[in-house]
């Protein structure tokens, strides 16, 4: 599978529930996707309002010819910084996750071990105002292998 084909496939899998932006995306990313969910909990009737729950996901898509350890570190830092800057924690906020998906024609061998170690987590007001987690997956189009962190393992289904 070529990188353009893989990117199209991944973006199509996100199209159902996410707002996808492919135009005017700040480099180094080629696309972004945002998911926002607002849920309200009631006790029997709407007048007995119990809670509001906000959940968000910010997904950043990058396409590289060769993914190196240095480039992965750069993409990782930029995605986390941009994702966290969009979080608006409040008493109704549950979580805002940041996801980085990298599609590469080839991935250097050192990236597979580095990707496992990349993790970010942030809590807001000792988790009373929610938290943010980080997921990462990189797909090697030439071999079909995945490099991911622990939280990103379930993202392999997106490529199936």
N, C-alpha and C. Protein backbone atom coordinates (compact mmCIF):
# COMPACT_ATOMS: atom_id res chain seq x y z
N UNK A 1 0.85 -1.17 0.00
CA UNK A 1 0.00 0.00 0.00
C UNK A 1 0.90 1.24 0.00
N UNK A 2 0.60 2.20 -0.85
CA UNK A 2 1.37 3.43 -0.92
C UNK A 2 0.88 4.41 0.14
N UNK A 3 1.72 5.41 0.44
CA UNK A 3 1.40 6.34 1.51
C UNK A 3 0.14 7.17 1.22
N UNK A 4 -0.05 7.61 -0.01
CA UNK A 4 -1.26 8.37 -0.34
C UNK A 4 -2.51 7.53 -0.18
N UNK A 5 -2.43 6.28 -0.60
CA UNK A 5 -3.55 5.35 -0.47
C UNK A 5 -3.85 5.07 1.01
N UNK A 6 -2.79 4.88 1.80
CA UNK A 6 -2.96 4.63 3.23
C UNK A 6 -3.58 5.84 3.94
N UNK A 7 -3.12 7.04 3.58
CA UNK A 7 -3.67 8.26 4.18
C UNK A 7 -5.15 8.41 3.84
N UNK A 8 -5.51 8.17 2.60
CA UNK A 8 -6.91 8.25 2.19
C UNK A 8 -7.77 7.25 2.96
N UNK A 9 -7.26 6.05 3.12
CA UNK A 9 -7.99 5.01 3.85
C UNK A 9 -8.20 5.39 5.31
N UNK A 10 -7.16 5.93 5.94
CA UNK A 10 -7.26 6.33 7.34
C UNK A 10 -8.21 7.51 7.50
N UNK A 11 -8.11 8.50 6.64
CA UNK A 11 -9.00 9.66 6.72
C UNK A 11 -10.46 9.24 6.52
N UNK A 12 -10.70 8.30 5.62
CA UNK A 12 -12.07 7.81 5.40
C UNK A 12 -12.62 7.09 6.63
N UNK A 13 -11.75 6.41 7.37
CA UNK A 13 -12.22 5.72 8.57
C UNK A 13 -12.59 6.72 9.68
N UNK A 14 -12.02 7.90 9.65
CA UNK A 14 -12.34 8.93 10.64
C UNK A 14 -13.51 9.82 10.21
N UNK A 15 -13.88 9.80 8.94
CA UNK A 15 -14.85 10.73 8.40
C UNK A 15 -16.24 10.63 9.05
N UNK A 16 -16.62 9.50 9.54
CA UNK A 16 -17.97 9.32 10.10
C UNK A 16 -18.24 10.10 11.37
N UNK A 17 -17.26 10.25 12.24
CA UNK A 17 -17.49 10.85 13.54
C UNK A 17 -16.64 12.09 13.82
N UNK A 18 -15.66 12.35 12.97
CA UNK A 18 -14.72 13.44 13.21
C UNK A 18 -14.90 14.54 12.16
N UNK A 19 -14.59 15.76 12.54
CA UNK A 19 -14.52 16.87 11.60
C UNK A 19 -13.10 16.88 11.07
N UNK A 20 -12.92 16.61 9.79
CA UNK A 20 -11.59 16.49 9.19
C UNK A 20 -11.26 17.75 8.41
N UNK A 21 -10.05 18.20 8.60
CA UNK A 21 -9.56 19.40 7.92
C UNK A 21 -8.31 19.01 7.13
N UNK A 22 -8.36 19.17 5.81
CA UNK A 22 -7.19 18.86 4.98
C UNK A 22 -6.64 20.11 4.29
N UNK A 23 -7.39 21.18 4.30
CA UNK A 23 -6.93 22.45 3.72
C UNK A 23 -6.47 23.39 4.84
N UNK A 24 -5.48 24.18 4.55
CA UNK A 24 -4.95 25.18 5.50
C UNK A 24 -4.51 24.54 6.81
N UNK A 25 -3.90 23.38 6.74
CA UNK A 25 -3.37 22.71 7.92
C UNK A 25 -1.92 23.17 8.11
N UNK A 26 -1.61 23.55 9.35
CA UNK A 26 -0.25 24.00 9.64
C UNK A 26 0.73 22.86 9.49
N UNK A 27 1.84 23.09 8.77
CA UNK A 27 2.88 22.06 8.67
C UNK A 27 3.44 21.75 10.05
N UNK A 28 3.90 20.58 10.30
CA UNK A 28 4.28 19.50 9.40
C UNK A 28 3.16 18.50 9.13
N UNK A 29 1.94 18.82 9.48
CA UNK A 29 0.84 17.88 9.33
C UNK A 29 0.11 18.10 8.02
N UNK A 30 -0.45 17.01 7.48
CA UNK A 30 -1.18 17.09 6.22
C UNK A 30 -2.69 17.12 6.44
N UNK A 31 -3.14 16.74 7.63
CA UNK A 31 -4.57 16.75 7.96
C UNK A 31 -4.74 16.76 9.47
N UNK A 32 -5.90 17.22 9.90
CA UNK A 32 -6.27 17.20 11.31
C UNK A 32 -7.72 16.74 11.42
N UNK A 33 -8.04 16.11 12.54
CA UNK A 33 -9.42 15.68 12.79
C UNK A 33 -9.76 16.01 14.24
N UNK A 34 -11.00 16.42 14.45
CA UNK A 34 -11.45 16.78 15.80
C UNK A 34 -12.76 16.06 16.08
N UNK A 35 -12.83 15.46 17.27
CA UNK A 35 -14.05 14.84 17.75
C UNK A 35 -14.44 15.52 19.04
N UNK A 36 -15.69 15.95 19.15
CA UNK A 36 -16.17 16.57 20.37
C UNK A 36 -17.50 15.94 20.75
N UNK A 37 -17.61 15.56 22.00
CA UNK A 37 -18.82 14.93 22.49
C UNK A 37 -19.28 15.63 23.76
N UNK A 38 -20.57 15.91 23.83
CA UNK A 38 -21.17 16.52 25.03
C UNK A 38 -22.32 15.64 25.47
N UNK A 39 -22.27 15.18 26.70
CA UNK A 39 -23.30 14.30 27.24
C UNK A 39 -23.87 14.93 28.51
N UNK A 40 -25.16 14.79 28.69
CA UNK A 40 -25.80 15.29 29.90
C UNK A 40 -26.47 14.13 30.62
N UNK A 41 -26.32 14.09 31.92
CA UNK A 41 -26.92 13.04 32.74
C UNK A 41 -28.04 13.62 33.59
N UNK A 42 -29.16 12.89 33.66
CA UNK A 42 -30.32 13.32 34.42
C UNK A 42 -30.76 12.21 35.36
N UNK A 43 -31.51 12.58 36.37
CA UNK A 43 -32.09 11.61 37.29
C UNK A 43 -33.60 11.65 37.10
N UNK A 44 -34.13 10.72 36.34
CA UNK A 44 -35.55 10.57 36.02
C UNK A 44 -36.10 11.65 35.10
N UNK A 45 -35.95 12.92 35.43
CA UNK A 45 -36.47 14.01 34.60
C UNK A 45 -35.36 15.01 34.32
N UNK A 46 -35.54 15.82 33.27
CA UNK A 46 -34.51 16.79 32.90
C UNK A 46 -34.29 17.85 33.97
N UNK A 47 -35.27 18.10 34.79
CA UNK A 47 -35.12 19.10 35.84
C UNK A 47 -34.12 18.64 36.90
N UNK A 48 -33.95 17.33 37.02
CA UNK A 48 -32.99 16.78 37.98
C UNK A 48 -31.66 16.53 37.27
N UNK A 49 -31.05 17.61 36.83
CA UNK A 49 -29.78 17.56 36.08
C UNK A 49 -28.65 17.13 37.01
N UNK A 50 -27.92 16.09 36.62
CA UNK A 50 -26.84 15.56 37.46
C UNK A 50 -25.47 16.04 36.98
N UNK A 51 -25.21 15.91 35.66
CA UNK A 51 -23.86 16.24 35.19
C UNK A 51 -23.83 16.51 33.70
N UNK A 52 -22.84 17.30 33.29
CA UNK A 52 -22.47 17.49 31.89
C UNK A 52 -21.10 16.87 31.72
N UNK A 53 -20.89 16.19 30.61
CA UNK A 53 -19.59 15.55 30.37
C UNK A 53 -19.12 15.92 28.97
N UNK A 54 -17.93 16.51 28.88
CA UNK A 54 -17.32 16.87 27.61
C UNK A 54 -16.11 15.99 27.36
N UNK A 55 -16.03 15.43 26.16
CA UNK A 55 -14.92 14.57 25.77
C UNK A 55 -14.45 15.00 24.37
N UNK A 56 -13.14 15.10 24.18
CA UNK A 56 -12.58 15.56 22.92
C UNK A 56 -11.41 14.68 22.48
N UNK A 57 -11.19 14.66 21.17
CA UNK A 57 -9.99 14.04 20.61
C UNK A 57 -9.47 14.94 19.50
N UNK A 58 -8.16 15.17 19.52
CA UNK A 58 -7.50 15.95 18.50
C UNK A 58 -6.51 15.03 17.79
N UNK A 59 -6.74 14.79 16.50
CA UNK A 59 -5.92 13.84 15.75
C UNK A 59 -5.10 14.60 14.71
N UNK A 60 -3.81 14.32 14.69
CA UNK A 60 -2.90 14.95 13.74
C UNK A 60 -2.33 13.87 12.82
N UNK A 61 -2.39 14.11 11.51
CA UNK A 61 -1.90 13.16 10.51
C UNK A 61 -0.66 13.74 9.83
N UNK A 62 0.40 12.93 9.78
CA UNK A 62 1.64 13.35 9.11
C UNK A 62 2.01 12.29 8.08
N UNK A 63 2.64 12.74 7.01
CA UNK A 63 3.09 11.84 5.96
C UNK A 63 4.57 12.11 5.71
N UNK A 64 5.40 11.07 5.78
CA UNK A 64 6.85 11.20 5.64
C UNK A 64 7.36 10.19 4.64
N UNK A 65 8.43 10.55 3.93
CA UNK A 65 9.05 9.57 3.03
C UNK A 65 9.86 8.58 3.86
N UNK A 66 10.70 9.09 4.76
CA UNK A 66 11.45 8.23 5.69
C UNK A 66 11.30 8.81 7.09
N UNK A 67 10.76 8.02 7.99
CA UNK A 67 10.56 8.48 9.37
C UNK A 67 11.80 8.15 10.18
N UNK A 68 12.48 9.19 10.64
CA UNK A 68 13.67 9.02 11.47
C UNK A 68 13.30 9.27 12.93
N UNK A 69 14.20 8.92 13.80
CA UNK A 69 13.99 9.12 15.23
C UNK A 69 13.84 10.61 15.53
N UNK A 70 14.65 11.45 14.90
CA UNK A 70 14.59 12.89 15.13
C UNK A 70 13.26 13.47 14.63
N UNK A 71 12.82 13.03 13.47
CA UNK A 71 11.56 13.54 12.91
C UNK A 71 10.38 13.10 13.77
N UNK A 72 10.42 11.87 14.28
CA UNK A 72 9.36 11.39 15.16
C UNK A 72 9.30 12.23 16.43
N UNK A 73 10.45 12.53 17.01
CA UNK A 73 10.49 13.37 18.21
C UNK A 73 9.92 14.75 17.95
N UNK A 74 10.23 15.30 16.78
CA UNK A 74 9.72 16.62 16.41
C UNK A 74 8.21 16.59 16.24
N UNK A 75 7.70 15.60 15.51
CA UNK A 75 6.25 15.48 15.31
C UNK A 75 5.53 15.25 16.63
N UNK A 76 6.12 14.44 17.48
CA UNK A 76 5.57 14.14 18.80
C UNK A 76 5.39 15.41 19.62
N UNK A 77 6.44 16.23 19.69
CA UNK A 77 6.40 17.46 20.47
C UNK A 77 5.38 18.45 19.92
N UNK A 78 5.35 18.60 18.61
CA UNK A 78 4.42 19.56 17.99
C UNK A 78 2.97 19.12 18.17
N UNK A 79 2.69 17.83 17.96
CA UNK A 79 1.32 17.33 18.11
C UNK A 79 0.82 17.50 19.55
N UNK A 80 1.65 17.15 20.52
CA UNK A 80 1.25 17.28 21.92
C UNK A 80 1.01 18.75 22.27
N UNK A 81 1.90 19.63 21.85
CA UNK A 81 1.77 21.05 22.15
C UNK A 81 0.50 21.65 21.53
N UNK A 82 0.26 21.35 20.26
CA UNK A 82 -0.93 21.88 19.59
C UNK A 82 -2.22 21.30 20.18
N UNK A 83 -2.19 20.02 20.49
CA UNK A 83 -3.38 19.39 21.07
C UNK A 83 -3.72 19.96 22.44
N UNK A 84 -2.72 20.10 23.30
CA UNK A 84 -2.94 20.62 24.65
C UNK A 84 -3.39 22.08 24.62
N UNK A 85 -2.91 22.84 23.64
CA UNK A 85 -3.31 24.25 23.55
C UNK A 85 -4.79 24.41 23.23
N UNK A 86 -5.42 23.38 22.70
CA UNK A 86 -6.85 23.43 22.35
C UNK A 86 -7.76 22.96 23.47
N UNK A 87 -7.19 22.43 24.54
CA UNK A 87 -7.98 21.91 25.65
C UNK A 87 -8.52 23.08 26.47
N UNK A 88 -9.79 23.00 26.81
CA UNK A 88 -10.43 24.00 27.66
C UNK A 88 -11.01 23.30 28.89
N UNK A 89 -10.17 23.03 29.89
CA UNK A 89 -10.66 22.29 31.05
C UNK A 89 -11.63 23.12 31.90
N UNK A 90 -12.64 22.45 32.38
CA UNK A 90 -13.60 23.04 33.31
C UNK A 90 -14.21 21.90 34.11
N UNK A 91 -15.17 22.21 34.94
CA UNK A 91 -15.75 21.17 35.81
C UNK A 91 -16.49 20.09 35.02
N UNK A 92 -16.89 20.37 33.77
CA UNK A 92 -17.60 19.38 32.95
C UNK A 92 -16.66 18.58 32.05
N UNK A 93 -15.41 18.97 32.00
CA UNK A 93 -14.43 18.33 31.10
C UNK A 93 -14.05 16.95 31.64
N UNK A 94 -14.14 15.93 30.80
CA UNK A 94 -13.74 14.57 31.19
C UNK A 94 -12.35 14.27 30.66
N UNK A 95 -12.19 14.35 29.33
CA UNK A 95 -10.88 14.06 28.74
C UNK A 95 -10.74 14.76 27.40
N UNK A 96 -9.51 15.03 27.04
CA UNK A 96 -9.15 15.56 25.73
C UNK A 96 -7.88 14.83 25.31
N UNK A 97 -8.01 13.88 24.42
CA UNK A 97 -6.88 13.07 24.00
C UNK A 97 -6.24 13.63 22.75
N UNK A 98 -4.92 13.46 22.64
CA UNK A 98 -4.16 13.89 21.49
C UNK A 98 -3.64 12.64 20.79
N UNK A 99 -3.86 12.56 19.48
CA UNK A 99 -3.46 11.38 18.71
C UNK A 99 -2.59 11.82 17.54
N UNK A 100 -1.48 11.13 17.35
CA UNK A 100 -0.59 11.38 16.22
C UNK A 100 -0.54 10.13 15.37
N UNK A 101 -0.88 10.28 14.08
CA UNK A 101 -0.81 9.18 13.12
C UNK A 101 0.19 9.58 12.04
N UNK A 102 1.25 8.79 11.91
CA UNK A 102 2.28 9.07 10.92
C UNK A 102 2.27 7.94 9.89
N UNK A 103 2.18 8.32 8.64
CA UNK A 103 2.24 7.35 7.55
C UNK A 103 3.53 7.61 6.80
N UNK A 104 4.39 6.59 6.72
CA UNK A 104 5.71 6.76 6.11
C UNK A 104 5.95 5.69 5.06
N UNK A 105 6.72 6.07 4.02
CA UNK A 105 7.11 5.09 3.01
C UNK A 105 8.06 4.07 3.63
N UNK A 106 8.92 4.54 4.54
CA UNK A 106 9.80 3.63 5.29
C UNK A 106 10.08 4.23 6.66
N UNK A 107 10.35 3.35 7.61
CA UNK A 107 10.64 3.76 8.99
C UNK A 107 11.98 3.16 9.40
N UNK A 108 12.84 3.99 9.96
CA UNK A 108 14.12 3.49 10.47
C UNK A 108 13.86 2.55 11.64
N UNK A 109 14.72 1.56 11.79
CA UNK A 109 14.54 0.53 12.82
C UNK A 109 14.52 1.12 14.24
N UNK A 110 15.30 2.18 14.49
CA UNK A 110 15.35 2.77 15.83
C UNK A 110 14.02 3.40 16.24
N UNK A 111 13.19 3.76 15.28
CA UNK A 111 11.90 4.39 15.57
C UNK A 111 10.96 3.41 16.29
N UNK A 112 11.07 2.13 15.98
CA UNK A 112 10.17 1.14 16.59
C UNK A 112 10.37 1.05 18.11
N UNK A 113 11.59 1.20 18.57
CA UNK A 113 11.83 1.19 20.02
C UNK A 113 11.54 2.56 20.65
N UNK A 114 11.84 3.63 19.91
CA UNK A 114 11.59 4.98 20.43
C UNK A 114 10.10 5.23 20.60
N UNK A 115 9.30 4.79 19.66
CA UNK A 115 7.86 5.03 19.70
C UNK A 115 7.22 4.43 20.95
N UNK A 116 7.71 3.28 21.38
CA UNK A 116 7.15 2.63 22.57
C UNK A 116 7.34 3.48 23.82
N UNK A 117 8.37 4.30 23.83
CA UNK A 117 8.70 5.09 25.02
C UNK A 117 8.04 6.46 25.05
N UNK A 118 7.44 6.89 23.95
CA UNK A 118 6.83 8.21 23.91
C UNK A 118 5.47 8.19 24.59
N UNK A 119 5.36 8.99 25.63
CA UNK A 119 4.08 9.07 26.32
C UNK A 119 3.95 10.46 26.95
N UNK A 120 2.72 10.93 26.99
CA UNK A 120 2.40 12.20 27.62
C UNK A 120 1.09 12.02 28.36
N UNK A 121 0.97 12.72 29.46
CA UNK A 121 -0.25 12.69 30.25
C UNK A 121 -0.34 14.00 31.02
N UNK A 122 -1.52 14.54 31.10
CA UNK A 122 -1.71 15.76 31.88
C UNK A 122 -3.06 15.70 32.55
N UNK A 123 -3.09 16.01 33.84
CA UNK A 123 -4.37 16.08 34.54
C UNK A 123 -4.64 17.55 34.89
N UNK A 124 -5.90 17.88 34.98
CA UNK A 124 -6.32 19.24 35.26
C UNK A 124 -7.00 19.26 36.63
N UNK A 125 -6.44 20.04 37.53
CA UNK A 125 -6.94 20.13 38.90
C UNK A 125 -7.06 18.75 39.53
N UNK A 126 -5.96 18.02 39.53
CA UNK A 126 -5.88 16.68 40.12
C UNK A 126 -6.93 15.73 39.54
N UNK A 127 -7.22 15.86 38.27
CA UNK A 127 -8.18 15.06 37.50
C UNK A 127 -9.63 15.39 37.80
N UNK A 128 -9.89 16.36 38.69
CA UNK A 128 -11.28 16.76 38.92
C UNK A 128 -11.84 17.46 37.69
N UNK A 129 -10.97 18.10 36.90
CA UNK A 129 -11.39 18.77 35.67
C UNK A 129 -10.94 17.97 34.46
N UNK A 130 -10.68 16.71 34.62
CA UNK A 130 -10.35 15.84 33.51
C UNK A 130 -8.86 15.65 33.30
N UNK A 131 -8.53 15.05 32.14
CA UNK A 131 -7.15 14.71 31.83
C UNK A 131 -6.95 14.68 30.33
N UNK A 132 -5.69 14.56 29.93
CA UNK A 132 -5.32 14.40 28.52
C UNK A 132 -4.32 13.27 28.41
N UNK A 133 -4.53 12.40 27.44
CA UNK A 133 -3.61 11.30 27.16
C UNK A 133 -3.12 11.41 25.73
N UNK A 134 -2.07 10.68 25.44
CA UNK A 134 -1.43 10.76 24.12
C UNK A 134 -1.35 9.38 23.50
N UNK A 135 -1.73 9.29 22.23
CA UNK A 135 -1.63 8.04 21.48
C UNK A 135 -0.81 8.30 20.23
N UNK A 136 -0.01 7.33 19.88
CA UNK A 136 0.86 7.46 18.72
C UNK A 136 0.88 6.16 17.93
N UNK A 137 0.80 6.29 16.61
CA UNK A 137 1.01 5.14 15.74
C UNK A 137 1.67 5.62 14.46
N UNK A 138 2.64 4.85 14.00
CA UNK A 138 3.32 5.13 12.74
C UNK A 138 3.23 3.87 11.89
N UNK A 139 2.88 4.04 10.63
CA UNK A 139 2.70 2.92 9.72
C UNK A 139 3.77 2.96 8.64
N UNK A 140 4.47 1.84 8.46
CA UNK A 140 5.50 1.70 7.43
C UNK A 140 4.84 1.06 6.21
N UNK A 141 4.66 1.84 5.15
CA UNK A 141 3.96 1.35 3.95
C UNK A 141 4.75 0.26 3.22
N UNK A 142 6.07 0.28 3.31
CA UNK A 142 6.88 -0.70 2.58
C UNK A 142 6.81 -2.09 3.21
N UNK A 143 6.71 -2.16 4.53
CA UNK A 143 6.71 -3.47 5.19
C UNK A 143 5.37 -3.82 5.85
N UNK A 144 4.52 -2.83 6.06
CA UNK A 144 3.25 -3.08 6.74
C UNK A 144 3.38 -3.15 8.25
N UNK A 145 4.53 -2.73 8.79
CA UNK A 145 4.75 -2.76 10.24
C UNK A 145 4.24 -1.48 10.89
N UNK A 146 3.95 -1.59 12.18
CA UNK A 146 3.48 -0.47 12.97
C UNK A 146 4.47 -0.16 14.09
N UNK A 147 4.68 1.12 14.34
CA UNK A 147 5.41 1.57 15.51
C UNK A 147 4.41 2.36 16.33
N UNK A 148 4.21 1.97 17.59
CA UNK A 148 3.21 2.67 18.39
C UNK A 148 3.60 2.68 19.86
N UNK A 149 2.99 3.59 20.60
CA UNK A 149 3.17 3.57 22.04
C UNK A 149 2.08 2.68 22.64
N UNK A 150 2.12 2.51 23.94
CA UNK A 150 1.19 1.59 24.60
C UNK A 150 -0.27 1.99 24.36
N UNK A 151 -0.56 3.28 24.44
CA UNK A 151 -1.93 3.75 24.26
C UNK A 151 -2.38 3.68 22.80
N UNK A 152 -1.43 3.64 21.87
CA UNK A 152 -1.77 3.66 20.46
C UNK A 152 -1.97 2.31 19.82
N UNK A 153 -1.83 1.23 20.58
CA UNK A 153 -1.95 -0.12 20.00
C UNK A 153 -3.32 -0.36 19.37
N UNK A 154 -4.37 0.18 19.97
CA UNK A 154 -5.71 -0.05 19.43
C UNK A 154 -5.96 0.71 18.12
N UNK A 155 -5.08 1.64 17.75
CA UNK A 155 -5.22 2.38 16.50
C UNK A 155 -4.88 1.53 15.28
N UNK A 156 -4.32 0.35 15.46
CA UNK A 156 -4.02 -0.53 14.34
C UNK A 156 -5.28 -0.90 13.57
N UNK A 157 -6.41 -0.92 14.25
CA UNK A 157 -7.69 -1.27 13.62
C UNK A 157 -8.06 -0.26 12.52
N UNK A 158 -7.59 0.96 12.64
CA UNK A 158 -7.90 2.00 11.65
C UNK A 158 -7.34 1.63 10.29
N UNK A 159 -6.24 0.90 10.26
CA UNK A 159 -5.58 0.54 9.00
C UNK A 159 -6.11 -0.76 8.41
N UNK A 160 -6.95 -1.47 9.16
CA UNK A 160 -7.45 -2.78 8.68
C UNK A 160 -8.46 -2.65 7.57
